Amino acid sequence: DRAGPGSACRLDGRCGCFDDLDCGEAQSGRVCSGATQTCVSGCRTAGGNSCPAGFRCENTPRGTGACVATGTVVDAGPSNDFGGAGGCSAGHARGAMASVLALALAALVRRRRQG
């Protein structure tokens, strides 16, 4: 599913992704990793999924950006994968909502550590 590895069924029979649309809606904060063909948290400034409202895409040296709450500063460390389990189904709303909640929680934790 889109909250997990992706909604596309790959040739090897496992779920994954071929492009960002397999990972959620345009503002899901999840993108398709070309290296693993699985969905990971992140964003693209152009040509792919971006961040939910209240977040901006912060570029990183790896090419995939990180969604950070507007008004915060983030380092270029590794991003967290939202993970999840499930089959190759397109559970859009639940996956997108889980992504938004996970991003909000991450922003809250980050602010508490900085403050």
N, C-alpha and C. Protein backbone atom coordinates (compact mmCIF):
# COMPACT_ATOMS: atom_id res chain seq x y z
N ASP A 1 0.83 -1.19 0.00
CA ASP A 1 0.00 0.00 0.00
C ASP A 1 0.87 1.24 0.00
N ARG A 2 0.29 2.39 -0.21
CA ARG A 2 1.07 3.62 -0.35
C ARG A 2 1.73 4.04 0.95
N ALA A 3 1.23 3.59 2.10
CA ALA A 3 1.87 3.91 3.38
C ALA A 3 3.05 2.99 3.64
N GLY A 4 3.13 1.90 2.90
CA GLY A 4 4.22 0.94 3.04
C GLY A 4 5.19 1.07 1.89
N PRO A 5 5.56 -0.07 1.28
CA PRO A 5 6.57 -0.04 0.23
C PRO A 5 6.08 0.56 -1.08
N GLY A 6 4.77 0.62 -1.32
CA GLY A 6 4.23 1.19 -2.55
C GLY A 6 3.05 0.40 -3.04
N SER A 7 2.28 1.00 -3.97
CA SER A 7 1.05 0.36 -4.44
C SER A 7 1.22 -0.41 -5.75
N ALA A 8 2.43 -0.43 -6.30
CA ALA A 8 2.66 -1.15 -7.55
C ALA A 8 3.16 -2.56 -7.26
N CYS A 9 2.66 -3.52 -8.02
CA CYS A 9 3.16 -4.89 -7.88
C CYS A 9 4.29 -5.08 -8.89
N ARG A 10 5.48 -5.29 -8.37
CA ARG A 10 6.67 -5.40 -9.21
C ARG A 10 6.75 -6.78 -9.84
N LEU A 11 7.65 -6.93 -10.81
CA LEU A 11 7.80 -8.20 -11.51
C LEU A 11 8.22 -9.34 -10.59
N ASP A 12 8.90 -9.02 -9.49
CA ASP A 12 9.32 -10.06 -8.55
C ASP A 12 8.19 -10.47 -7.61
N GLY A 13 6.98 -9.91 -7.80
CA GLY A 13 5.82 -10.28 -6.99
C GLY A 13 5.67 -9.48 -5.71
N ARG A 14 6.64 -8.63 -5.40
CA ARG A 14 6.56 -7.82 -4.18
C ARG A 14 5.98 -6.45 -4.50
N CYS A 15 5.44 -5.82 -3.47
CA CYS A 15 4.93 -4.47 -3.63
C CYS A 15 6.08 -3.48 -3.63
N GLY A 16 5.89 -2.40 -4.35
CA GLY A 16 6.91 -1.37 -4.42
C GLY A 16 6.40 -0.20 -5.22
N CYS A 17 7.30 0.48 -5.92
CA CYS A 17 6.91 1.64 -6.69
C CYS A 17 7.75 1.76 -7.95
N PHE A 18 7.18 2.43 -8.92
CA PHE A 18 7.89 2.76 -10.15
C PHE A 18 8.09 4.26 -10.27
N ASP A 19 7.18 5.03 -9.64
CA ASP A 19 7.32 6.49 -9.60
C ASP A 19 6.62 7.01 -8.34
N ASP A 20 6.73 8.30 -8.10
CA ASP A 20 6.21 8.89 -6.87
C ASP A 20 4.70 8.70 -6.70
N LEU A 21 3.96 8.63 -7.79
CA LEU A 21 2.50 8.45 -7.68
C LEU A 21 2.13 7.14 -7.00
N ASP A 22 3.00 6.13 -7.07
CA ASP A 22 2.75 4.86 -6.38
C ASP A 22 2.90 4.99 -4.86
N CYS A 23 3.42 6.12 -4.40
CA CYS A 23 3.71 6.33 -2.97
C CYS A 23 2.71 7.24 -2.28
N GLY A 24 1.80 7.80 -2.99
CA GLY A 24 0.81 8.69 -2.38
C GLY A 24 0.48 9.84 -3.30
N GLU A 25 -0.39 10.68 -2.79
CA GLU A 25 -0.84 11.83 -3.56
C GLU A 25 0.30 12.85 -3.69
N ALA A 26 0.09 13.85 -4.53
CA ALA A 26 1.14 14.81 -4.88
C ALA A 26 1.75 15.51 -3.67
N GLN A 27 1.02 15.66 -2.59
CA GLN A 27 1.55 16.32 -1.39
C GLN A 27 1.62 15.35 -0.22
N SER A 28 2.04 14.12 -0.48
CA SER A 28 2.07 13.07 0.55
C SER A 28 3.34 13.09 1.40
N GLY A 29 4.41 13.71 0.92
CA GLY A 29 5.68 13.66 1.65
C GLY A 29 6.37 12.32 1.52
N ARG A 30 6.03 11.55 0.47
CA ARG A 30 6.66 10.25 0.21
C ARG A 30 7.03 10.18 -1.27
N VAL A 31 8.20 9.62 -1.54
CA VAL A 31 8.69 9.49 -2.91
C VAL A 31 9.18 8.07 -3.16
N CYS A 32 9.33 7.73 -4.42
CA CYS A 32 9.82 6.41 -4.81
C CYS A 32 11.34 6.44 -4.89
N SER A 33 11.98 5.57 -4.13
CA SER A 33 13.44 5.44 -4.21
C SER A 33 13.78 4.60 -5.43
N GLY A 34 14.50 5.18 -6.37
CA GLY A 34 14.88 4.45 -7.57
C GLY A 34 15.79 3.27 -7.27
N ALA A 35 16.59 3.39 -6.23
CA ALA A 35 17.54 2.32 -5.89
C ALA A 35 16.84 1.08 -5.37
N THR A 36 15.80 1.26 -4.55
CA THR A 36 15.13 0.10 -3.92
C THR A 36 13.74 -0.15 -4.48
N GLN A 37 13.24 0.75 -5.29
CA GLN A 37 11.87 0.67 -5.81
C GLN A 37 10.86 0.51 -4.67
N THR A 38 11.10 1.22 -3.57
CA THR A 38 10.15 1.27 -2.46
C THR A 38 9.93 2.73 -2.08
N CYS A 39 8.80 2.99 -1.44
CA CYS A 39 8.47 4.34 -1.01
C CYS A 39 9.21 4.70 0.26
N VAL A 40 9.72 5.91 0.30
CA VAL A 40 10.42 6.42 1.48
C VAL A 40 9.89 7.83 1.76
N SER A 41 10.09 8.29 2.98
CA SER A 41 9.68 9.65 3.29
C SER A 41 10.61 10.60 2.55
N GLY A 42 10.04 11.70 2.08
CA GLY A 42 10.84 12.68 1.37
C GLY A 42 10.00 13.47 0.39
N CYS A 43 10.68 14.28 -0.41
CA CYS A 43 9.99 15.15 -1.35
C CYS A 43 10.94 15.50 -2.50
N ARG A 44 10.36 16.05 -3.52
CA ARG A 44 11.13 16.57 -4.66
C ARG A 44 10.66 18.00 -4.90
N THR A 45 11.58 18.87 -5.22
CA THR A 45 11.20 20.25 -5.47
C THR A 45 10.55 20.41 -6.85
N ALA A 46 10.78 19.45 -7.75
CA ALA A 46 10.16 19.47 -9.07
C ALA A 46 10.10 18.04 -9.59
N GLY A 47 9.05 17.73 -10.32
CA GLY A 47 8.96 16.44 -10.99
C GLY A 47 8.61 15.26 -10.10
N GLY A 48 7.92 15.49 -9.01
CA GLY A 48 7.53 14.40 -8.13
C GLY A 48 6.70 14.89 -6.97
N ASN A 49 6.52 14.05 -5.98
CA ASN A 49 5.70 14.39 -4.82
C ASN A 49 6.37 15.45 -3.96
N SER A 50 5.54 16.30 -3.39
CA SER A 50 6.04 17.35 -2.51
C SER A 50 5.52 17.10 -1.09
N CYS A 51 5.51 18.13 -0.28
CA CYS A 51 5.16 18.01 1.14
C CYS A 51 3.72 18.45 1.40
N PRO A 52 3.15 17.98 2.51
CA PRO A 52 1.81 18.43 2.90
C PRO A 52 1.82 19.92 3.29
N ALA A 53 0.65 20.50 3.39
CA ALA A 53 0.51 21.89 3.82
C ALA A 53 1.19 22.07 5.17
N GLY A 54 1.89 23.19 5.35
CA GLY A 54 2.58 23.47 6.60
C GLY A 54 4.01 22.98 6.62
N PHE A 55 4.44 22.31 5.53
CA PHE A 55 5.80 21.79 5.41
C PHE A 55 6.41 22.29 4.12
N ARG A 56 7.73 22.33 4.08
CA ARG A 56 8.44 22.70 2.85
C ARG A 56 9.47 21.62 2.55
N CYS A 57 9.88 21.55 1.30
CA CYS A 57 10.86 20.55 0.88
C CYS A 57 12.25 21.12 1.05
N GLU A 58 13.03 20.53 1.94
CA GLU A 58 14.41 20.95 2.20
C GLU A 58 15.32 20.00 1.42
N ASN A 59 16.07 20.53 0.49
CA ASN A 59 16.96 19.69 -0.32
C ASN A 59 18.08 19.09 0.52
N THR A 60 18.51 17.90 0.14
CA THR A 60 19.63 17.24 0.79
C THR A 60 20.64 16.84 -0.27
N PRO A 61 21.87 16.53 0.12
CA PRO A 61 22.88 16.12 -0.85
C PRO A 61 22.51 14.85 -1.62
N ARG A 62 21.61 14.04 -1.09
CA ARG A 62 21.24 12.79 -1.77
C ARG A 62 20.28 12.99 -2.93
N GLY A 63 19.74 14.19 -3.12
CA GLY A 63 18.84 14.45 -4.22
C GLY A 63 17.39 14.40 -3.83
N THR A 64 17.02 13.62 -2.84
CA THR A 64 15.66 13.59 -2.33
C THR A 64 15.62 14.50 -1.12
N GLY A 65 14.65 15.41 -1.11
CA GLY A 65 14.55 16.35 0.00
C GLY A 65 13.80 15.76 1.18
N ALA A 66 13.80 16.50 2.27
CA ALA A 66 13.08 16.13 3.48
C ALA A 66 12.00 17.17 3.73
N CYS A 67 10.82 16.72 4.12
CA CYS A 67 9.74 17.64 4.48
C CYS A 67 9.98 18.14 5.90
N VAL A 68 10.09 19.44 6.05
CA VAL A 68 10.29 20.04 7.36
C VAL A 68 9.20 21.08 7.58
N ALA A 69 8.81 21.24 8.84
CA ALA A 69 7.79 22.21 9.17
C ALA A 69 8.26 23.60 8.76
N THR A 70 7.38 24.37 8.20
CA THR A 70 7.71 25.73 7.79
C THR A 70 8.23 26.48 9.00
N GLY A 71 9.38 27.14 8.87
CA GLY A 71 9.97 27.90 9.95
C GLY A 71 11.01 27.14 10.75
N THR A 72 11.31 25.88 10.40
CA THR A 72 12.34 25.13 11.11
C THR A 72 13.54 24.93 10.21
N VAL A 73 14.67 24.63 10.82
CA VAL A 73 15.91 24.35 10.10
C VAL A 73 16.24 22.89 10.34
N VAL A 74 16.66 22.19 9.29
CA VAL A 74 16.95 20.77 9.41
C VAL A 74 18.35 20.48 8.91
N ASP A 75 19.00 19.46 9.49
CA ASP A 75 20.31 19.05 8.97
C ASP A 75 20.09 18.12 7.79
N ALA A 76 21.16 17.71 7.12
CA ALA A 76 21.06 16.86 5.94
C ALA A 76 21.20 15.39 6.28
N GLY A 77 20.87 15.00 7.50
CA GLY A 77 20.97 13.61 7.92
C GLY A 77 19.94 12.74 7.24
N PRO A 78 19.98 11.45 7.50
CA PRO A 78 19.05 10.54 6.84
C PRO A 78 17.62 10.79 7.27
N SER A 79 16.70 10.57 6.33
CA SER A 79 15.29 10.73 6.66
C SER A 79 14.74 9.39 7.14
N ASN A 80 13.65 9.43 7.86
CA ASN A 80 13.02 8.21 8.36
C ASN A 80 12.03 7.69 7.34
N ASP A 81 11.97 6.39 7.20
CA ASP A 81 10.98 5.76 6.34
C ASP A 81 9.76 5.48 7.20
N PHE A 82 8.59 5.85 6.71
CA PHE A 82 7.38 5.61 7.47
C PHE A 82 7.07 4.13 7.59
N GLY A 83 7.62 3.33 6.67
CA GLY A 83 7.44 1.89 6.74
C GLY A 83 5.99 1.49 6.63
N GLY A 84 5.69 0.32 7.14
CA GLY A 84 4.32 -0.18 7.09
C GLY A 84 4.28 -1.49 6.38
N ALA A 85 3.22 -2.18 6.55
CA ALA A 85 3.04 -3.47 5.90
C ALA A 85 1.76 -3.43 5.11
N GLY A 86 1.60 -4.38 4.25
CA GLY A 86 0.35 -4.45 3.50
C GLY A 86 0.57 -5.00 2.13
N GLY A 87 -0.52 -5.23 1.45
CA GLY A 87 -0.48 -5.77 0.10
C GLY A 87 -0.43 -4.67 -0.93
N CYS A 88 -0.53 -5.05 -2.17
CA CYS A 88 -0.49 -4.10 -3.28
C CYS A 88 -1.86 -3.52 -3.51
N SER A 89 -2.33 -2.70 -2.62
CA SER A 89 -3.62 -2.06 -2.79
C SER A 89 -3.42 -0.56 -2.70
N ALA A 90 -4.33 0.18 -3.27
CA ALA A 90 -4.20 1.63 -3.30
C ALA A 90 -5.04 2.26 -2.19
N GLY A 91 -4.61 2.13 -0.94
CA GLY A 91 -5.31 2.73 0.19
C GLY A 91 -4.86 4.16 0.37
N HIS A 92 -5.26 5.04 -0.53
CA HIS A 92 -4.78 6.41 -0.61
C HIS A 92 -5.01 7.20 0.68
N ALA A 93 -6.23 7.32 1.11
CA ALA A 93 -6.56 8.23 2.20
C ALA A 93 -5.85 7.83 3.49
N ARG A 94 -5.88 6.56 3.84
CA ARG A 94 -5.26 6.11 5.08
C ARG A 94 -3.75 6.33 5.02
N GLY A 95 -3.12 6.01 3.90
CA GLY A 95 -1.68 6.19 3.76
C GLY A 95 -1.27 7.65 3.81
N ALA A 96 -2.02 8.50 3.12
CA ALA A 96 -1.70 9.92 3.12
C ALA A 96 -1.87 10.51 4.52
N MET A 97 -2.94 10.11 5.21
CA MET A 97 -3.18 10.61 6.56
C MET A 97 -2.07 10.14 7.51
N ALA A 98 -1.65 8.89 7.38
CA ALA A 98 -0.56 8.39 8.22
C ALA A 98 0.72 9.16 7.95
N SER A 99 0.97 9.50 6.70
CA SER A 99 2.16 10.28 6.35
C SER A 99 2.12 11.66 6.98
N VAL A 100 0.96 12.31 6.89
CA VAL A 100 0.82 13.65 7.46
C VAL A 100 1.01 13.61 8.97
N LEU A 101 0.41 12.63 9.63
CA LEU A 101 0.56 12.51 11.08
C LEU A 101 2.00 12.23 11.48
N ALA A 102 2.67 11.37 10.73
CA ALA A 102 4.07 11.06 11.04
C ALA A 102 4.95 12.29 10.85
N LEU A 103 4.71 13.07 9.80
CA LEU A 103 5.48 14.29 9.56
C LEU A 103 5.25 15.31 10.68
N ALA A 104 3.99 15.45 11.11
CA ALA A 104 3.68 16.39 12.19
C ALA A 104 4.37 15.97 13.49
N LEU A 105 4.35 14.68 13.78
CA LEU A 105 5.00 14.18 14.99
C LEU A 105 6.51 14.40 14.92
N ALA A 106 7.11 14.15 13.77
CA ALA A 106 8.55 14.36 13.61
C ALA A 106 8.91 15.83 13.81
N ALA A 107 8.08 16.73 13.29
CA ALA A 107 8.34 18.17 13.46
C ALA A 107 8.23 18.56 14.93
N LEU A 108 7.26 18.02 15.64
CA LEU A 108 7.10 18.32 17.06
C LEU A 108 8.31 17.85 17.86
N VAL A 109 8.76 16.63 17.59
CA VAL A 109 9.93 16.07 18.29
C VAL A 109 11.16 16.93 18.00
N ARG A 110 11.35 17.31 16.77
CA ARG A 110 12.49 18.12 16.38
C ARG A 110 12.48 19.47 17.09
N ARG A 111 11.32 20.10 17.18
CA ARG A 111 11.21 21.40 17.85
C ARG A 111 11.53 21.28 19.33
N ARG A 112 11.08 20.20 19.97
CA ARG A 112 11.35 20.01 21.39
C ARG A 112 12.84 19.80 21.63
N ARG A 113 13.52 19.10 20.72
CA ARG A 113 14.95 18.88 20.86
C ARG A 113 15.74 20.16 20.68
N GLN A 114 15.26 21.04 19.79
CA GLN A 114 15.96 22.30 19.52
C GLN A 114 15.69 23.32 20.63
N GLY A 115 14.55 23.22 21.26
CA GLY A 115 14.17 24.24 22.25
C GLY A 115 14.47 23.79 23.57
